Amino acid sequence: MRLPFFLALLALAPGAQALTLHNDFSSHDWANWFAADNWKNGSPFDVGWRADHINFSGGQMTLNIDDTPCATDQALCSNEPYAAANYSSLAYYSYGRVESRFRAAA
C-alpha cells in the first residue's frame, strides 16, 4: 500500500502570532522530522517500523506498508509480519490546528 502524504502544521497560542511549519517533502528534513527505524509499537498494528519505507519524490512523501523484507526474515521487521513507515514531527504542539492533504490507497 502506498500513501502519498502532504502535511502542514499550524499551532496557535492565545495572543500570539501563528506559528507555521510547512514542508514540501522534497527530501527528509532532519531538523524537523523523525523517521522511525528498527522498532515496533505492538498490537494491534503488528508492523515493524522501517525508515526505508519512506520515500520522497516530486515534492511528495510516500509511506509504504508491505511484507518486504519480512516475508524472508521477520527479524528485519522487529519480528513482525509487516513493515511500515512512521514519520513524526520533532516539535510538540499542545493545541491548535493541524491540516493535512493525503490520498490513501484503494
C-alpha atoms as a PDB file:
ATOM      1  CA  MET A   1       0.000   0.000   0.000  1.00  0.00           C
ATOM      2  CA  ARG A   2       1.390   3.452  -0.908  1.00  0.00           C
ATOM      3  CA  LEU A   3       0.239   6.599   0.900  1.00  0.00           C
ATOM      4  CA  PRO A   4       1.258   9.901  -0.763  1.00  0.00           C
ATOM      5  CA  PHE A   5       1.200  12.441   2.019  1.00  0.00           C
ATOM      6  CA  PHE A   6       1.398  16.237   2.378  1.00  0.00           C
ATOM      7  CA  LEU A   7       1.390  17.806   5.817  1.00  0.00           C
ATOM      8  CA  ALA A   8       1.345  21.372   7.085  1.00  0.00           C
ATOM      9  CA  LEU A   9       1.069  22.177  10.795  1.00  0.00           C
ATOM     10  CA  LEU A  10      -0.343  25.321  12.369  1.00  0.00           C
ATOM     11  CA  ALA A  11      -0.195  25.912  16.135  1.00  0.00           C
ATOM     12  CA  LEU A  12      -1.849  28.956  17.698  1.00  0.00           C
ATOM     13  CA  ALA A  13      -1.299  30.329  21.199  1.00  0.00           C
ATOM     14  CA  PRO A  14      -3.690  32.899  22.729  1.00  0.00           C
ATOM     15  CA  GLY A  15      -2.445  36.391  21.932  1.00  0.00           C
ATOM     16  CA  ALA A  16       0.491  35.082  19.899  1.00  0.00           C
ATOM     17  CA  GLN A  17       1.217  35.094  16.206  1.00  0.00           C
ATOM     18  CA  ALA A  18       0.571  31.926  14.251  1.00  0.00           C
ATOM     19  CA  LEU A  19       3.493  29.520  14.049  1.00  0.00           C
ATOM     20  CA  THR A  20       3.503  27.641  10.777  1.00  0.00           C
ATOM     21  CA  LEU A  21       5.606  24.635   9.884  1.00  0.00           C
ATOM     22  CA  HIS A  22       5.443  23.713   6.224  1.00  0.00           C
ATOM     23  CA  ASN A  23       7.444  21.015   4.494  1.00  0.00           C
ATOM     24  CA  ASP A  24       7.441  20.429   0.740  1.00  0.00           C
ATOM     25  CA  PHE A  25       8.694  16.853   1.266  1.00  0.00           C
ATOM     26  CA  SER A  26      11.287  17.003  -1.482  1.00  0.00           C
ATOM     27  CA  SER A  27      13.665  15.242   0.937  1.00  0.00           C
ATOM     28  CA  HIS A  28      13.891  14.224   4.592  1.00  0.00           C
ATOM     29  CA  ASP A  29      14.163  17.286   6.878  1.00  0.00           C
ATOM     30  CA  TRP A  30      16.330  16.052   9.791  1.00  0.00           C
ATOM     31  CA  ALA A  31      15.808  19.303  11.734  1.00  0.00           C
ATOM     32  CA  ASN A  32      12.014  18.920  11.998  1.00  0.00           C
ATOM     33  CA  TRP A  33      11.105  15.266  11.399  1.00  0.00           C
ATOM     34  CA  PHE A  34      11.954  11.823  12.769  1.00  0.00           C
ATOM     35  CA  ALA A  35      11.856   8.654  10.654  1.00  0.00           C
ATOM     36  CA  ALA A  36      11.364   5.616  12.909  1.00  0.00           C
ATOM     37  CA  ASP A  37      13.615   2.661  12.179  1.00  0.00           C
ATOM     38  CA  ASN A  38      14.033  -0.794  13.676  1.00  0.00           C
ATOM     39  CA  TRP A  39      11.322  -0.773  16.332  1.00  0.00           C
ATOM     40  CA  LYS A  40       7.588  -1.502  16.675  1.00  0.00           C
ATOM     41  CA  ASN A  41       4.543  -0.302  18.558  1.00  0.00           C
ATOM     42  CA  GLY A  42       2.944  -3.721  19.123  1.00  0.00           C
ATOM     43  CA  SER A  43      -0.616  -4.979  18.887  1.00  0.00           C
ATOM     44  CA  PRO A  44      -2.950  -4.413  17.135  1.00  0.00           C
ATOM     45  CA  PHE A  45      -0.696  -2.970  14.393  1.00  0.00           C
ATOM     46  CA  ASP A  46       1.817  -5.815  14.114  1.00  0.00           C
ATOM     47  CA  VAL A  47       4.312  -3.901  11.978  1.00  0.00           C
ATOM     48  CA  GLY A  48       7.985  -3.120  12.316  1.00  0.00           C
ATOM     49  CA  TRP A  49       8.898   0.493  11.535  1.00  0.00           C
ATOM     50  CA  ARG A  50      11.486   0.825   8.754  1.00  0.00           C
ATOM     51  CA  ALA A  51      12.937   4.124   7.529  1.00  0.00           C
ATOM     52  CA  ASP A  52      13.431   2.623   4.061  1.00  0.00           C
ATOM     53  CA  HIS A  53       9.618   2.539   3.700  1.00  0.00           C
ATOM     54  CA  ILE A  54       9.568   6.371   3.459  1.00  0.00           C
ATOM     55  CA  ASN A  55      10.292   7.825   0.014  1.00  0.00           C
ATOM     56  CA  PHE A  56      10.437  11.374  -1.327  1.00  0.00           C
ATOM     57  CA  SER A  57       9.833  12.284  -4.959  1.00  0.00           C
ATOM     58  CA  GLY A  58       8.393  15.311  -6.744  1.00  0.00           C
ATOM     59  CA  GLY A  59       7.513  17.115  -3.524  1.00  0.00           C
ATOM     60  CA  GLN A  60       5.542  14.157  -2.179  1.00  0.00           C
ATOM     61  CA  MET A  61       6.294  11.730   0.580  1.00  0.00           C
ATOM     62  CA  THR A  62       5.192   8.115   0.145  1.00  0.00           C
ATOM     63  CA  LEU A  63       4.702   5.888   3.199  1.00  0.00           C
ATOM     64  CA  ASN A  64       4.712   2.178   2.386  1.00  0.00           C
ATOM     65  CA  ILE A  65       3.354  -0.859   4.215  1.00  0.00           C
ATOM     66  CA  ASP A  66       4.090  -4.340   2.898  1.00  0.00           C
ATOM     67  CA  ASP A  67       5.740  -7.623   3.824  1.00  0.00           C
ATOM     68  CA  THR A  68       9.147  -6.683   2.347  1.00  0.00           C
ATOM     69  CA  PRO A  69      11.611  -7.832   3.722  1.00  0.00           C
ATOM     70  CA  CYS A  70       9.582  -9.541   6.481  1.00  0.00           C
ATOM     71  CA  ALA A  71       8.494 -12.446   4.282  1.00  0.00           C
ATOM     72  CA  THR A  72      12.086 -13.702   4.094  1.00  0.00           C
ATOM     73  CA  ASP A  73      13.332 -12.633   7.549  1.00  0.00           C
ATOM     74  CA  GLN A  74      10.940 -11.300  10.215  1.00  0.00           C
ATOM     75  CA  ALA A  75      13.918 -10.175  12.313  1.00  0.00           C
ATOM     76  CA  LEU A  76      14.366  -7.360   9.768  1.00  0.00           C
ATOM     77  CA  CYS A  77      10.873  -6.126  10.741  1.00  0.00           C
ATOM     78  CA  SER A  78      11.240  -6.271  14.538  1.00  0.00           C
ATOM     79  CA  ASN A  79       9.826  -9.840  14.401  1.00  0.00           C
ATOM     80  CA  GLU A  80       6.543  -8.643  12.886  1.00  0.00           C
ATOM     81  CA  PRO A  81       4.900  -9.932   9.659  1.00  0.00           C
ATOM     82  CA  TYR A  82       4.732  -6.477   8.012  1.00  0.00           C
ATOM     83  CA  ALA A  83       6.957  -3.427   7.610  1.00  0.00           C
ATOM     84  CA  ALA A  84       5.608   0.132   7.624  1.00  0.00           C
ATOM     85  CA  ALA A  85       6.738   3.754   7.712  1.00  0.00           C
ATOM     86  CA  ASN A  86       6.470   6.089  10.694  1.00  0.00           C
ATOM     87  CA  TYR A  87       7.284   9.782  10.181  1.00  0.00           C
ATOM     88  CA  SER A  88       6.856  12.114  13.158  1.00  0.00           C
ATOM     89  CA  SER A  89       7.358  15.784  13.916  1.00  0.00           C
ATOM     90  CA  LEU A  90      10.104  16.568  16.426  1.00  0.00           C
ATOM     91  CA  ALA A  91       8.114  19.569  17.685  1.00  0.00           C
ATOM     92  CA  TYR A  92       5.472  19.429  20.415  1.00  0.00           C
ATOM     93  CA  TYR A  93       2.111  21.075  19.896  1.00  0.00           C
ATOM     94  CA  SER A  94      -0.211  21.349  22.869  1.00  0.00           C
ATOM     95  CA  TYR A  95      -3.157  22.737  20.917  1.00  0.00           C
ATOM     96  CA  GLY A  96      -4.008  24.469  17.688  1.00  0.00           C
ATOM     97  CA  ARG A  97      -4.972  23.303  14.245  1.00  0.00           C
ATOM     98  CA  VAL A  98      -3.351  20.591  12.158  1.00  0.00           C
ATOM     99  CA  GLU A  99      -4.062  20.346   8.439  1.00  0.00           C
ATOM    100  CA  SER A 100      -3.068  17.647   6.008  1.00  0.00           C
ATOM    101  CA  ARG A 101      -3.824  16.539   2.475  1.00  0.00           C
ATOM    102  CA  PHE A 102      -3.341  12.879   1.677  1.00  0.00           C
ATOM    103  CA  ARG A 103      -4.593  10.173  -0.633  1.00  0.00           C
ATOM    104  CA  ALA A 104      -4.968   6.669   0.744  1.00  0.00           C
ATOM    105  CA  ALA A 105      -4.527   3.592  -1.400  1.00  0.00           C
ATOM    106  CA  ALA A 106      -7.633   1.905  -2.794  1.00  0.00           C
END
